[in-house]
Amino acid sequence: MRNTLRILAAALLIWPAIISAQEALTPETGIEATIGAQIEALRADDFAEAFTYASPNIQGMFQDSDNFGRMVRQGYPMVWRPGDVQFLELRDEGGRLWQKVMIRDQQGRSFVLDYQMIETGDGWRINGVQILDAPGLSA
């Protein structure tokens, strides 16, 4: 019984650290606006404009909007030609902000993407995107 109480007490002490490691935040309109503007630029095949919403790190990786556009068309077709876009939760994971977005493509398939966001002197920028496994969604 005494060991059970110690374990329970220890769990209660570390619980706040576990919770704060992945903290849900209130929606940030600037983040949503940045992602939405990039998606609209991609939808219009304006890869030069879409490239401006990428972080300096991403811009450095791809060098120019043509390379960036090719990567999006090949690796993220659901973002290039989305049917519906829905913003889910924004969260802080170890000091990094992640915005989940559900995108339904033109064929009706749903995808959940995680956008890592950074704030620069020019506003919010996208620092990476990953496609998440979404159980229960047709992807």
N, C-alpha and C. Protein backbone atom coordinates (compact mmCIF):
# COMPACT_ATOMS: atom_id res chain seq x y z
N MET A 1 0.83 -1.20 0.00
CA MET A 1 0.00 0.00 0.00
C MET A 1 0.87 1.26 0.00
N ARG A 2 1.93 1.23 0.79
CA ARG A 2 2.81 2.39 0.88
C ARG A 2 3.48 2.65 -0.48
N ASN A 3 3.88 1.57 -1.17
CA ASN A 3 4.49 1.74 -2.50
C ASN A 3 3.49 2.31 -3.49
N THR A 4 2.26 1.89 -3.41
CA THR A 4 1.22 2.41 -4.29
C THR A 4 1.05 3.91 -4.09
N LEU A 5 1.05 4.34 -2.84
CA LEU A 5 0.93 5.77 -2.54
C LEU A 5 2.13 6.55 -3.07
N ARG A 6 3.31 5.99 -2.96
CA ARG A 6 4.51 6.67 -3.48
C ARG A 6 4.43 6.80 -5.01
N ILE A 7 3.99 5.75 -5.65
CA ILE A 7 3.87 5.80 -7.10
C ILE A 7 2.83 6.83 -7.52
N LEU A 8 1.71 6.84 -6.82
CA LEU A 8 0.67 7.82 -7.10
C LEU A 8 1.17 9.24 -6.88
N ALA A 9 1.87 9.46 -5.78
CA ALA A 9 2.42 10.79 -5.48
C ALA A 9 3.42 11.22 -6.56
N ALA A 10 4.27 10.30 -6.98
CA ALA A 10 5.25 10.61 -8.02
C ALA A 10 4.55 10.94 -9.33
N ALA A 11 3.52 10.18 -9.66
CA ALA A 11 2.77 10.44 -10.89
C ALA A 11 2.12 11.81 -10.85
N LEU A 12 1.57 12.19 -9.71
CA LEU A 12 0.95 13.51 -9.59
C LEU A 12 1.98 14.63 -9.72
N LEU A 13 3.19 14.38 -9.27
CA LEU A 13 4.24 15.39 -9.38
C LEU A 13 4.72 15.59 -10.82
N ILE A 14 4.80 14.51 -11.60
CA ILE A 14 5.29 14.66 -12.96
C ILE A 14 4.19 14.94 -13.97
N TRP A 15 2.94 14.79 -13.60
CA TRP A 15 1.83 15.02 -14.52
C TRP A 15 1.88 16.41 -15.16
N PRO A 16 2.12 17.50 -14.43
CA PRO A 16 2.18 18.82 -15.09
C PRO A 16 3.27 18.88 -16.15
N ALA A 17 4.39 18.21 -15.96
CA ALA A 17 5.45 18.20 -16.96
C ALA A 17 5.00 17.48 -18.22
N ILE A 18 4.26 16.40 -18.06
CA ILE A 18 3.75 15.67 -19.22
C ILE A 18 2.75 16.53 -19.98
N ILE A 19 1.86 17.18 -19.27
CA ILE A 19 0.85 18.03 -19.89
C ILE A 19 1.50 19.20 -20.63
N SER A 20 2.49 19.85 -20.00
CA SER A 20 3.09 21.02 -20.62
C SER A 20 3.97 20.67 -21.81
N ALA A 21 4.39 19.42 -21.94
CA ALA A 21 5.22 19.01 -23.07
C ALA A 21 4.44 19.13 -24.38
N GLN A 22 3.13 19.00 -24.33
CA GLN A 22 2.29 19.14 -25.51
C GLN A 22 1.06 19.93 -25.10
N GLU A 23 1.20 21.23 -25.13
CA GLU A 23 0.15 22.12 -24.63
C GLU A 23 -0.73 22.62 -25.78
N ALA A 24 -2.03 22.40 -25.65
CA ALA A 24 -2.97 22.92 -26.63
C ALA A 24 -3.13 24.42 -26.41
N LEU A 25 -3.14 25.16 -27.50
CA LEU A 25 -3.21 26.62 -27.44
C LEU A 25 -4.49 27.11 -28.09
N THR A 26 -4.81 28.35 -27.83
CA THR A 26 -5.95 28.96 -28.51
C THR A 26 -5.53 29.24 -29.96
N PRO A 27 -6.47 29.22 -30.88
CA PRO A 27 -6.13 29.46 -32.28
C PRO A 27 -5.40 30.79 -32.47
N GLU A 28 -4.46 30.80 -33.38
CA GLU A 28 -3.68 31.99 -33.71
C GLU A 28 -4.05 32.39 -35.14
N THR A 29 -4.75 33.51 -35.28
CA THR A 29 -5.24 33.91 -36.60
C THR A 29 -4.11 34.16 -37.59
N GLY A 30 -2.97 34.63 -37.11
CA GLY A 30 -1.84 34.86 -38.00
C GLY A 30 -1.31 33.57 -38.60
N ILE A 31 -1.28 32.52 -37.78
CA ILE A 31 -0.82 31.22 -38.27
C ILE A 31 -1.81 30.67 -39.30
N GLU A 32 -3.07 30.71 -38.97
CA GLU A 32 -4.09 30.22 -39.90
C GLU A 32 -4.09 31.02 -41.19
N ALA A 33 -3.89 32.34 -41.08
CA ALA A 33 -3.86 33.19 -42.28
C ALA A 33 -2.66 32.84 -43.17
N THR A 34 -1.52 32.58 -42.56
CA THR A 34 -0.33 32.22 -43.33
C THR A 34 -0.53 30.92 -44.08
N ILE A 35 -1.00 29.90 -43.38
CA ILE A 35 -1.23 28.60 -44.02
C ILE A 35 -2.30 28.74 -45.11
N GLY A 36 -3.38 29.42 -44.79
CA GLY A 36 -4.46 29.62 -45.76
C GLY A 36 -3.99 30.37 -47.00
N ALA A 37 -3.17 31.40 -46.81
CA ALA A 37 -2.67 32.17 -47.96
C ALA A 37 -1.75 31.32 -48.82
N GLN A 38 -0.93 30.49 -48.19
CA GLN A 38 -0.07 29.62 -48.99
C GLN A 38 -0.90 28.61 -49.79
N ILE A 39 -1.91 28.03 -49.16
CA ILE A 39 -2.77 27.08 -49.86
C ILE A 39 -3.47 27.75 -51.04
N GLU A 40 -3.95 28.97 -50.85
CA GLU A 40 -4.61 29.69 -51.95
C GLU A 40 -3.64 29.98 -53.08
N ALA A 41 -2.40 30.35 -52.75
CA ALA A 41 -1.40 30.58 -53.79
C ALA A 41 -1.09 29.29 -54.55
N LEU A 42 -0.98 28.18 -53.83
CA LEU A 42 -0.74 26.89 -54.48
C LEU A 42 -1.89 26.51 -55.39
N ARG A 43 -3.10 26.74 -54.91
CA ARG A 43 -4.30 26.43 -55.69
C ARG A 43 -4.30 27.20 -57.02
N ALA A 44 -3.74 28.41 -56.99
CA ALA A 44 -3.68 29.26 -58.19
C ALA A 44 -2.40 29.02 -59.00
N ASP A 45 -1.61 28.01 -58.61
CA ASP A 45 -0.32 27.73 -59.26
C ASP A 45 0.64 28.91 -59.17
N ASP A 46 0.48 29.75 -58.16
CA ASP A 46 1.39 30.87 -57.93
C ASP A 46 2.46 30.41 -56.93
N PHE A 47 3.40 29.63 -57.44
CA PHE A 47 4.43 29.04 -56.58
C PHE A 47 5.37 30.10 -56.03
N ALA A 48 5.57 31.19 -56.76
CA ALA A 48 6.42 32.28 -56.26
C ALA A 48 5.79 32.87 -55.00
N GLU A 49 4.49 33.11 -55.02
CA GLU A 49 3.81 33.64 -53.84
C GLU A 49 3.79 32.62 -52.71
N ALA A 50 3.50 31.37 -53.04
CA ALA A 50 3.46 30.31 -52.02
C ALA A 50 4.81 30.18 -51.32
N PHE A 51 5.88 30.35 -52.07
CA PHE A 51 7.25 30.22 -51.54
C PHE A 51 7.53 31.29 -50.49
N THR A 52 6.88 32.45 -50.59
CA THR A 52 7.12 33.54 -49.62
C THR A 52 6.62 33.18 -48.22
N TYR A 53 5.73 32.21 -48.10
CA TYR A 53 5.19 31.81 -46.80
C TYR A 53 6.05 30.74 -46.13
N ALA A 54 7.07 30.26 -46.83
CA ALA A 54 7.99 29.28 -46.27
C ALA A 54 9.04 30.01 -45.43
N SER A 55 9.51 29.33 -44.39
CA SER A 55 10.54 29.91 -43.52
C SER A 55 11.84 30.08 -44.29
N PRO A 56 12.73 30.91 -43.79
CA PRO A 56 14.05 31.05 -44.43
C PRO A 56 14.76 29.69 -44.57
N ASN A 57 14.61 28.81 -43.59
CA ASN A 57 15.22 27.50 -43.65
C ASN A 57 14.69 26.69 -44.85
N ILE A 58 13.39 26.68 -45.03
CA ILE A 58 12.77 25.95 -46.15
C ILE A 58 13.16 26.61 -47.47
N GLN A 59 13.16 27.93 -47.52
CA GLN A 59 13.57 28.62 -48.74
C GLN A 59 15.01 28.26 -49.10
N GLY A 60 15.86 28.16 -48.09
CA GLY A 60 17.25 27.78 -48.35
C GLY A 60 17.38 26.36 -48.87
N MET A 61 16.55 25.47 -48.37
CA MET A 61 16.58 24.07 -48.83
C MET A 61 16.19 23.94 -50.30
N PHE A 62 15.17 24.69 -50.71
CA PHE A 62 14.64 24.53 -52.07
C PHE A 62 15.20 25.55 -53.06
N GLN A 63 15.81 26.60 -52.57
CA GLN A 63 16.49 27.61 -53.39
C GLN A 63 15.58 28.52 -54.20
N ASP A 64 14.55 27.98 -54.81
CA ASP A 64 13.67 28.83 -55.61
C ASP A 64 12.26 28.25 -55.65
N SER A 65 11.35 29.06 -56.16
CA SER A 65 9.94 28.67 -56.15
C SER A 65 9.64 27.52 -57.11
N ASP A 66 10.45 27.36 -58.16
CA ASP A 66 10.22 26.23 -59.08
C ASP A 66 10.48 24.90 -58.38
N ASN A 67 11.59 24.80 -57.67
CA ASN A 67 11.89 23.58 -56.91
C ASN A 67 10.85 23.34 -55.83
N PHE A 68 10.44 24.41 -55.17
CA PHE A 68 9.43 24.32 -54.13
C PHE A 68 8.11 23.82 -54.72
N GLY A 69 7.70 24.38 -55.84
CA GLY A 69 6.45 23.98 -56.48
C GLY A 69 6.48 22.52 -56.91
N ARG A 70 7.61 22.07 -57.43
CA ARG A 70 7.75 20.67 -57.84
C ARG A 70 7.60 19.75 -56.63
N MET A 71 8.21 20.13 -55.50
CA MET A 71 8.10 19.33 -54.28
C MET A 71 6.65 19.24 -53.81
N VAL A 72 5.94 20.36 -53.83
CA VAL A 72 4.55 20.37 -53.38
C VAL A 72 3.69 19.51 -54.31
N ARG A 73 3.83 19.68 -55.61
CA ARG A 73 3.02 18.90 -56.56
C ARG A 73 3.26 17.40 -56.39
N GLN A 74 4.51 17.02 -56.17
CA GLN A 74 4.83 15.59 -56.07
C GLN A 74 4.56 15.02 -54.69
N GLY A 75 4.86 15.78 -53.63
CA GLY A 75 4.77 15.23 -52.28
C GLY A 75 3.52 15.58 -51.51
N TYR A 76 2.85 16.67 -51.90
CA TYR A 76 1.68 17.15 -51.17
C TYR A 76 0.56 17.54 -52.13
N PRO A 77 0.11 16.62 -52.99
CA PRO A 77 -0.92 16.98 -53.97
C PRO A 77 -2.22 17.44 -53.31
N MET A 78 -2.50 16.96 -52.11
CA MET A 78 -3.73 17.37 -51.42
C MET A 78 -3.68 18.84 -51.01
N VAL A 79 -2.48 19.38 -50.83
CA VAL A 79 -2.32 20.80 -50.49
C VAL A 79 -2.36 21.63 -51.76
N TRP A 80 -1.80 21.10 -52.84
CA TRP A 80 -1.78 21.80 -54.12
C TRP A 80 -3.18 21.93 -54.70
N ARG A 81 -3.98 20.89 -54.53
CA ARG A 81 -5.35 20.89 -55.07
C ARG A 81 -6.35 20.46 -53.99
N PRO A 82 -6.50 21.27 -52.95
CA PRO A 82 -7.42 20.86 -51.88
C PRO A 82 -8.88 21.07 -52.26
N GLY A 83 -9.71 20.27 -51.66
CA GLY A 83 -11.15 20.48 -51.80
C GLY A 83 -11.66 21.32 -50.63
N ASP A 84 -11.31 20.91 -49.43
CA ASP A 84 -11.77 21.58 -48.21
C ASP A 84 -10.61 21.62 -47.22
N VAL A 85 -10.51 22.72 -46.48
CA VAL A 85 -9.45 22.90 -45.49
C VAL A 85 -10.08 23.25 -44.16
N GLN A 86 -9.69 22.53 -43.12
CA GLN A 86 -10.22 22.80 -41.78
C GLN A 86 -9.06 22.84 -40.80
N PHE A 87 -8.97 23.95 -40.05
CA PHE A 87 -7.93 24.08 -39.04
C PHE A 87 -8.35 23.36 -37.77
N LEU A 88 -7.45 22.53 -37.27
CA LEU A 88 -7.68 21.79 -36.03
C LEU A 88 -6.90 22.48 -34.92
N GLU A 89 -6.29 21.73 -34.02
CA GLU A 89 -5.66 22.37 -32.88
C GLU A 89 -4.25 22.88 -33.18
N LEU A 90 -3.93 23.94 -32.47
CA LEU A 90 -2.58 24.49 -32.43
C LEU A 90 -1.99 24.04 -31.11
N ARG A 91 -0.75 23.57 -31.14
CA ARG A 91 -0.15 23.12 -29.90
C ARG A 91 1.33 23.46 -29.84
N ASP A 92 1.81 23.50 -28.62
CA ASP A 92 3.22 23.76 -28.34
C ASP A 92 3.84 22.43 -27.92
N GLU A 93 4.85 22.01 -28.64
CA GLU A 93 5.59 20.80 -28.28
C GLU A 93 7.04 21.20 -28.06
N GLY A 94 7.42 21.31 -26.81
CA GLY A 94 8.80 21.65 -26.48
C GLY A 94 9.24 22.98 -27.04
N GLY A 95 8.36 23.95 -27.06
CA GLY A 95 8.69 25.27 -27.55
C GLY A 95 8.50 25.45 -29.05
N ARG A 96 8.03 24.43 -29.73
CA ARG A 96 7.75 24.52 -31.17
C ARG A 96 6.25 24.51 -31.39
N LEU A 97 5.78 25.40 -32.24
CA LEU A 97 4.35 25.48 -32.51
C LEU A 97 3.98 24.62 -33.72
N TRP A 98 2.94 23.83 -33.54
CA TRP A 98 2.44 22.93 -34.58
C TRP A 98 0.95 23.18 -34.78
N GLN A 99 0.57 23.40 -36.01
CA GLN A 99 -0.84 23.60 -36.37
C GLN A 99 -1.31 22.40 -37.17
N LYS A 100 -2.31 21.69 -36.64
CA LYS A 100 -2.90 20.57 -37.39
C LYS A 100 -3.96 21.12 -38.33
N VAL A 101 -3.96 20.56 -39.53
CA VAL A 101 -4.91 20.97 -40.56
C VAL A 101 -5.45 19.71 -41.22
N MET A 102 -6.78 19.63 -41.35
CA MET A 102 -7.38 18.53 -42.09
C MET A 102 -7.74 19.05 -43.48
N ILE A 103 -7.27 18.31 -44.48
CA ILE A 103 -7.51 18.69 -45.87
C ILE A 103 -8.21 17.52 -46.56
N ARG A 104 -9.28 17.86 -47.24
CA ARG A 104 -9.99 16.88 -48.07
C ARG A 104 -9.61 17.20 -49.51
N ASP A 105 -9.12 16.20 -50.21
CA ASP A 105 -8.69 16.45 -51.59
C ASP A 105 -9.88 16.43 -52.55
N GLN A 106 -9.61 16.62 -53.83
CA GLN A 106 -10.66 16.69 -54.85
C GLN A 106 -11.44 15.38 -54.98
N GLN A 107 -10.82 14.25 -54.57
CA GLN A 107 -11.49 12.95 -54.65
C GLN A 107 -12.24 12.63 -53.35
N GLY A 108 -12.23 13.53 -52.38
CA GLY A 108 -12.95 13.32 -51.14
C GLY A 108 -12.16 12.60 -50.06
N ARG A 109 -10.88 12.32 -50.31
CA ARG A 109 -10.04 11.68 -49.30
C ARG A 109 -9.56 12.73 -48.30
N SER A 110 -9.52 12.35 -47.02
CA SER A 110 -9.11 13.28 -45.97
C SER A 110 -7.69 12.98 -45.50
N PHE A 111 -6.96 14.04 -45.22
CA PHE A 111 -5.59 13.96 -44.75
C PHE A 111 -5.43 14.93 -43.58
N VAL A 112 -4.63 14.55 -42.60
CA VAL A 112 -4.29 15.45 -41.51
C VAL A 112 -2.81 15.78 -41.66
N LEU A 113 -2.53 17.07 -41.70
CA LEU A 113 -1.16 17.54 -41.84
C LEU A 113 -0.79 18.36 -40.62
N ASP A 114 0.47 18.31 -40.27
CA ASP A 114 1.00 19.07 -39.15
C ASP A 114 1.98 20.09 -39.71
N TYR A 115 1.67 21.37 -39.50
CA TYR A 115 2.52 22.46 -39.96
C TYR A 115 3.33 22.99 -38.78
N GLN A 116 4.65 22.96 -38.92
CA GLN A 116 5.48 23.60 -37.90
C GLN A 116 5.61 25.07 -38.28
N MET A 117 5.33 25.94 -37.33
CA MET A 117 5.31 27.37 -37.60
C MET A 117 6.38 28.09 -36.78
N ILE A 118 6.97 29.11 -37.40
CA ILE A 118 7.90 29.97 -36.67
C ILE A 118 7.51 31.42 -36.94
N GLU A 119 7.77 32.26 -35.96
CA GLU A 119 7.49 33.68 -36.13
C GLU A 119 8.78 34.38 -36.50
N THR A 120 8.74 35.12 -37.60
CA THR A 120 9.91 35.86 -38.07
C THR A 120 9.59 37.35 -38.00
N GLY A 121 10.55 38.16 -38.38
CA GLY A 121 10.32 39.60 -38.44
C GLY A 121 9.27 39.97 -39.47
N ASP A 122 9.03 39.07 -40.42
CA ASP A 122 8.03 39.29 -41.46
C ASP A 122 6.71 38.60 -41.17
N GLY A 123 6.56 38.06 -39.97
CA GLY A 123 5.33 37.37 -39.60
C GLY A 123 5.53 35.87 -39.51
N TRP A 124 4.43 35.14 -39.44
CA TRP A 124 4.48 33.68 -39.31
C TRP A 124 4.92 33.06 -40.62
N ARG A 125 5.76 32.03 -40.52
CA ARG A 125 6.23 31.30 -41.69
C ARG A 125 6.15 29.80 -41.40
N ILE A 126 5.99 29.03 -42.47
CA ILE A 126 5.87 27.58 -42.38
C ILE A 126 7.27 26.99 -42.42
N ASN A 127 7.61 26.22 -41.38
CA ASN A 127 8.96 25.68 -41.25
C ASN A 127 9.01 24.18 -41.53
N GLY A 128 7.92 23.63 -42.00
CA GLY A 128 7.88 22.21 -42.33
C GLY A 128 6.45 21.71 -42.24
N VAL A 129 6.18 20.65 -43.00
CA VAL A 129 4.85 20.04 -43.01
C VAL A 129 5.04 18.53 -43.04
N GLN A 130 4.27 17.86 -42.23
CA GLN A 130 4.28 16.40 -42.28
C GLN A 130 2.86 15.87 -42.35
N ILE A 131 2.70 14.80 -43.09
CA ILE A 131 1.40 14.14 -43.21
C ILE A 131 1.32 13.14 -42.07
N LEU A 132 0.26 13.22 -41.27
CA LEU A 132 0.08 12.36 -40.13
C LEU A 132 -0.79 11.15 -40.48
N ASP A 133 -0.58 10.07 -39.77
CA ASP A 133 -1.51 8.95 -39.87
C ASP A 133 -2.81 9.40 -39.23
N ALA A 134 -3.88 9.18 -39.91
CA ALA A 134 -5.19 9.61 -39.40
C ALA A 134 -6.13 8.42 -39.38
N PRO A 135 -6.12 7.62 -38.29
CA PRO A 135 -7.02 6.48 -38.22
C PRO A 135 -8.47 6.92 -38.40
N GLY A 136 -9.18 6.15 -39.17
CA GLY A 136 -10.60 6.47 -39.37
C GLY A 136 -10.86 7.38 -40.55
N LEU A 137 -9.80 7.96 -41.12
CA LEU A 137 -9.99 8.80 -42.29
C LEU A 137 -9.55 8.03 -43.52
N SER A 138 -10.23 8.26 -44.62
CA SER A 138 -9.85 7.59 -45.86
C SER A 138 -8.73 8.37 -46.52
N ALA A 139 -7.52 7.85 -46.44
CA ALA A 139 -6.37 8.55 -47.03
C ALA A 139 -5.64 7.65 -48.00
